[in-house]
């Protein structure tokens, strides 16, 4: 997939130690949140793990914010870091995509886990922390969506997911023209084509259409969900699977930004 991503900027300073992506994240957080040290930022500024490379550092850093895909009391604060990273052009596009994807996951934890554990309640649910996390993502979504015209197509896919999690009368009508290029280039039955078309169905807010599309797509390609689960939860669970697969494809050498 051609994401038309910008080239990575050369580094001109070496004030931070550790793998290059940690240095870059540290620079961005220091510049954009001066004097503010959120708990999860300690991994950027404290002593490094000598066994870190870019991949292992990213895994630890993201898990510190959204621990094993669950929300905890400090999760909402950590999401501020992700929003800052997602909005800085120094961060390579594939990592901006990952930051937005994690914001989507944090905002939809309750719905996705409800689907996965139905009819039982999620074992590690923390409704208060989940609500704070959702509010934190919602507060930052408008600024991220304002970056649409400056973003590469890969990040636009992730932003489209956020737009339907937090629908407004302004954002939903804008999705169809903004996603037209994707529907022209990616036919139905392809991962990106199905993702974009499903986002547009969600943007319709027509529950019958959403339910039909959810059942058709899960029957054909994705993990099935119990029919008794509320439609919105089933739809967001499916959208999460789709976005994860798009992200996995972007992580392959050919798709990297």
Protein backbone atom coordinates (compact mmCIF):
# COMPACT_ATOMS: atom_id res chain seq x y z
CA UNK A 1 0.00 0.00 0.00
CA UNK A 2 1.39 3.40 -1.01
CA UNK A 3 0.98 5.71 1.93
CA UNK A 4 2.91 8.66 0.45
CA UNK A 5 4.57 9.06 3.81
CA UNK A 6 7.15 11.72 4.42
CA UNK A 7 10.84 10.74 4.71
CA UNK A 8 12.19 10.45 8.20
CA UNK A 9 14.12 13.50 9.36
CA UNK A 10 17.82 13.11 10.14
CA UNK A 11 18.75 13.30 13.78
CA UNK A 12 21.06 16.13 14.73
CA UNK A 13 21.33 15.50 18.46
CA UNK A 14 22.13 12.57 20.69
CA UNK A 15 21.02 13.81 24.12
CA UNK A 16 19.07 10.61 24.78
CA UNK A 17 20.48 7.13 24.95
CA UNK A 18 18.96 3.86 23.90
CA UNK A 19 17.32 2.75 20.66
CA UNK A 20 16.65 5.47 18.07
CA UNK A 21 12.86 5.44 18.41
CA UNK A 22 13.18 6.01 22.16
CA UNK A 23 15.41 9.00 21.50
CA UNK A 24 12.89 10.41 19.05
CA UNK A 25 9.91 9.88 21.36
CA UNK A 26 11.86 11.52 24.18
CA UNK A 27 12.66 14.59 22.07
CA UNK A 28 9.05 15.02 20.98
CA UNK A 29 7.60 14.63 24.48
CA UNK A 30 10.20 17.00 25.95
CA UNK A 31 9.40 19.62 23.30
CA UNK A 32 5.62 19.32 23.39
CA UNK A 33 5.08 18.68 27.12
CA UNK A 34 7.84 20.77 28.70
CA UNK A 35 8.09 20.36 32.42
CA UNK A 36 5.33 17.76 32.52
CA UNK A 37 6.40 14.24 33.46
CA UNK A 38 3.56 11.78 33.17
CA UNK A 39 4.22 8.41 34.82
CA UNK A 40 4.56 6.47 31.57
CA UNK A 41 7.14 8.96 30.30
CA UNK A 42 9.62 7.58 32.82
CA UNK A 43 10.57 4.95 30.25
CA UNK A 44 11.79 7.80 28.05
CA UNK A 45 13.74 9.77 30.61
CA UNK A 46 14.93 7.29 33.24
CA UNK A 47 17.69 4.72 32.85
CA UNK A 48 17.34 2.61 29.75
CA UNK A 49 17.02 -1.15 29.58
CA UNK A 50 20.28 -2.38 28.00
CA UNK A 51 18.38 -5.07 26.12
CA UNK A 52 16.05 -2.65 24.36
CA UNK A 53 16.01 -2.29 20.63
CA UNK A 54 13.32 -0.33 18.79
CA UNK A 55 10.88 -3.22 18.75
CA UNK A 56 11.23 -4.29 22.39
CA UNK A 57 11.16 -0.70 23.60
CA UNK A 58 7.94 0.00 21.70
CA UNK A 59 6.31 -3.12 23.11
CA UNK A 60 7.20 -2.13 26.67
CA UNK A 61 6.25 1.52 26.18
CA UNK A 62 2.84 0.82 24.67
CA UNK A 63 2.12 -1.85 27.27
CA UNK A 64 2.92 0.64 30.01
CA UNK A 65 0.12 2.85 28.68
CA UNK A 66 -2.50 0.24 27.75
CA UNK A 67 -1.47 -2.71 29.87
CA UNK A 68 -2.47 -5.97 28.16
CA UNK A 69 -5.34 -4.15 26.44
CA UNK A 70 -6.92 -3.08 29.74
CA UNK A 71 -7.48 0.36 31.24
CA UNK A 72 -6.05 1.21 34.64
CA UNK A 73 -6.18 4.42 36.70
CA UNK A 74 -3.10 5.90 34.99
CA UNK A 75 -4.12 4.93 31.45
CA UNK A 76 -5.83 8.24 30.68
CA UNK A 77 -2.63 10.16 31.47
CA UNK A 78 -0.60 7.88 29.24
CA UNK A 79 -2.96 8.47 26.35
CA UNK A 80 -1.84 12.11 26.37
CA UNK A 81 1.61 10.87 25.32
CA UNK A 82 0.13 8.91 22.42
CA UNK A 83 -1.87 11.91 21.23
CA UNK A 84 1.26 14.08 21.29
CA UNK A 85 3.26 11.51 19.33
CA UNK A 86 0.44 11.07 16.81
CA UNK A 87 0.38 14.81 16.11
CA UNK A 88 4.10 15.38 15.53
CA UNK A 89 5.52 15.11 12.02
CA UNK A 90 8.91 14.10 13.35
CA UNK A 91 7.38 10.74 14.27
CA UNK A 92 7.46 8.35 11.28
CA UNK A 93 4.04 7.68 9.80
CA UNK A 94 3.94 4.02 10.83
CA UNK A 95 4.38 5.05 14.47
CA UNK A 96 1.78 7.80 14.19
CA UNK A 97 -0.56 5.11 12.84
CA UNK A 98 0.24 2.90 15.83
CA UNK A 99 -0.39 5.76 18.26
CA UNK A 100 -3.82 6.45 16.76
CA UNK A 101 -4.58 2.71 16.71
CA UNK A 102 -3.79 2.51 20.43
CA UNK A 103 -6.04 5.50 21.09
CA UNK A 104 -8.80 3.63 19.26
CA UNK A 105 -8.17 0.50 21.34
CA UNK A 106 -8.25 2.46 24.60
CA UNK A 107 -11.50 4.16 23.63
CA UNK A 108 -13.19 0.87 22.74
CA UNK A 109 -11.93 -1.44 25.49
CA UNK A 110 -15.33 -1.80 27.14
CA UNK A 111 -17.16 -2.72 23.92
CA UNK A 112 -14.49 -5.05 22.59
CA UNK A 113 -14.11 -6.96 25.85
CA UNK A 114 -17.87 -7.23 26.27
CA UNK A 115 -18.02 -9.00 22.90
CA UNK A 116 -15.09 -11.28 23.70
CA UNK A 117 -16.43 -12.47 27.06
CA UNK A 118 -20.20 -12.49 26.44
CA UNK A 119 -22.34 -13.53 28.27
CA UNK A 120 -19.89 -13.17 31.13
CA UNK A 121 -18.56 -9.83 32.31
CA UNK A 122 -14.95 -8.97 31.38
CA UNK A 123 -12.69 -10.22 34.17
CA UNK A 124 -10.40 -7.21 34.34
CA UNK A 125 -12.93 -4.47 33.64
CA UNK A 126 -12.39 -1.14 35.38
CA UNK A 127 -15.38 1.00 34.34
CA UNK A 128 -14.06 4.20 35.93
CA UNK A 129 -10.66 3.91 34.26
CA UNK A 130 -12.28 2.93 30.96
CA UNK A 131 -14.54 6.00 31.10
CA UNK A 132 -11.57 8.30 31.85
CA UNK A 133 -9.60 6.76 29.01
CA UNK A 134 -12.49 7.20 26.60
CA UNK A 135 -12.91 10.83 27.66
CA UNK A 136 -9.18 11.46 27.22
CA UNK A 137 -9.27 10.11 23.67
CA UNK A 138 -12.45 11.99 22.83
CA UNK A 139 -10.94 15.28 24.02
CA UNK A 140 -8.00 14.87 21.65
CA UNK A 141 -9.80 13.46 18.63
CA UNK A 142 -10.82 16.82 17.07
CA UNK A 143 -7.21 18.03 16.96
CA UNK A 144 -6.08 14.76 15.41
CA UNK A 145 -8.85 14.88 12.81
CA UNK A 146 -7.79 18.44 11.94
CA UNK A 147 -4.53 16.92 10.68
CA UNK A 148 -6.36 14.91 8.02
CA UNK A 149 -5.21 16.90 4.99
CA UNK A 150 -1.58 16.75 6.16
CA UNK A 151 -1.61 13.04 6.95
CA UNK A 152 -0.59 10.12 4.78
CA UNK A 153 -3.29 7.61 3.75
CA UNK A 154 -2.22 5.06 6.36
CA UNK A 155 -2.84 7.41 9.28
CA UNK A 156 -6.08 8.60 7.67
CA UNK A 157 -7.37 5.03 7.93
CA UNK A 158 -6.75 5.05 11.67
CA UNK A 159 -8.26 8.51 12.05
CA UNK A 160 -11.40 7.33 10.24
CA UNK A 161 -11.78 4.70 12.95
CA UNK A 162 -11.61 7.36 15.66
CA UNK A 163 -14.14 9.49 13.77
CA UNK A 164 -16.82 6.81 13.98
CA UNK A 165 -16.06 6.02 17.63
CA UNK A 166 -16.83 9.67 18.41
CA UNK A 167 -19.37 10.67 15.75
CA UNK A 168 -20.38 14.30 15.34
CA UNK A 169 -22.59 16.10 12.86
CA UNK A 170 -19.45 17.68 11.46
CA UNK A 171 -17.15 14.70 11.11
CA UNK A 172 -19.54 12.07 9.78
CA UNK A 173 -20.64 13.91 6.60
CA UNK A 174 -16.97 14.63 5.86
CA UNK A 175 -15.96 10.98 5.91
CA UNK A 176 -17.48 9.96 2.58
CA UNK A 177 -15.62 12.53 0.43
CA UNK A 178 -12.47 12.10 2.47
CA UNK A 179 -12.47 8.33 1.95
CA UNK A 180 -13.49 8.43 -1.71
CA UNK A 181 -9.94 7.83 -2.89
CA UNK A 182 -9.76 4.62 -0.88
CA UNK A 183 -13.01 3.28 -2.27
CA UNK A 184 -11.81 4.08 -5.79
CA UNK A 185 -8.45 2.36 -5.32
CA UNK A 186 -9.38 -0.61 -3.11
CA UNK A 187 -12.23 -2.84 -4.18
CA UNK A 188 -14.61 -4.56 -1.82
CA UNK A 189 -13.17 -7.86 -0.63
CA UNK A 190 -9.72 -6.41 0.05
CA UNK A 191 -8.67 -5.60 3.61
CA UNK A 192 -8.49 -1.85 3.08
CA UNK A 193 -11.53 -1.79 0.82
CA UNK A 194 -13.66 -3.63 3.39
CA UNK A 195 -12.36 -1.48 6.22
CA UNK A 196 -13.20 1.80 4.49
CA UNK A 197 -16.64 0.63 3.38
CA UNK A 198 -17.42 -0.59 6.88
CA UNK A 199 -16.37 2.77 8.34
CA UNK A 200 -18.79 4.45 5.94
CA UNK A 201 -21.59 2.11 7.04
CA UNK A 202 -20.85 3.00 10.68
CA UNK A 203 -20.93 6.67 9.74
CA UNK A 204 -24.50 6.22 8.47
CA UNK A 205 -25.67 5.52 12.05
CA UNK A 206 -28.28 3.21 10.53
CA UNK A 207 -28.39 0.32 13.01
CA UNK A 208 -29.98 -2.10 10.56
CA UNK A 209 -27.25 -1.45 7.96
CA UNK A 210 -24.55 -1.68 10.61
CA UNK A 211 -25.89 -4.98 11.93
CA UNK A 212 -26.17 -6.45 8.42
CA UNK A 213 -22.66 -5.36 7.45
CA UNK A 214 -21.22 -6.63 10.74
CA UNK A 215 -22.79 -10.06 10.36
CA UNK A 216 -21.88 -10.37 6.68
CA UNK A 217 -18.25 -9.45 7.28
CA UNK A 218 -17.75 -11.56 10.40
CA UNK A 219 -19.32 -14.58 8.72
CA UNK A 220 -17.00 -14.20 5.76
CA UNK A 221 -13.65 -13.15 7.17
CA UNK A 222 -13.51 -12.30 10.87
CA UNK A 223 -14.01 -13.66 14.36
CA UNK A 224 -17.71 -14.20 14.93
CA UNK A 225 -19.61 -12.47 17.72
CA UNK A 226 -22.68 -13.45 19.70
CA UNK A 227 -25.87 -12.06 18.20
CA UNK A 228 -27.19 -11.03 21.62
CA UNK A 229 -24.39 -8.48 22.05
CA UNK A 230 -25.39 -4.85 21.33
CA UNK A 231 -24.78 -3.90 17.70
CA UNK A 232 -22.36 -1.06 18.49
CA UNK A 233 -20.12 -3.34 20.53
CA UNK A 234 -20.07 -5.96 17.78
CA UNK A 235 -19.28 -3.32 15.17
CA UNK A 236 -16.41 -1.79 17.14
CA UNK A 237 -14.99 -5.24 17.85
CA UNK A 238 -14.97 -5.93 14.12
CA UNK A 239 -13.50 -2.52 13.31
CA UNK A 240 -10.74 -3.19 15.83
CA UNK A 241 -9.85 -6.47 14.10
CA UNK A 242 -9.78 -4.73 10.75
CA UNK A 243 -7.58 -1.89 11.95
CA UNK A 244 -5.16 -4.34 13.58
CA UNK A 245 -4.80 -6.22 10.31
CA UNK A 246 -4.20 -3.04 8.33
CA UNK A 247 -1.53 -2.11 10.87
CA UNK A 248 0.11 -5.52 10.61
CA UNK A 249 0.33 -5.15 6.85
CA UNK A 250 1.86 -1.70 7.20
CA UNK A 251 4.50 -3.15 9.53
CA UNK A 252 5.75 -5.43 6.75
CA UNK A 253 8.84 -4.11 4.93
CA UNK A 254 6.90 -3.26 1.77
CA UNK A 255 4.28 -1.30 3.68
CA UNK A 256 6.47 0.57 6.11
CA UNK A 257 6.46 4.34 6.11
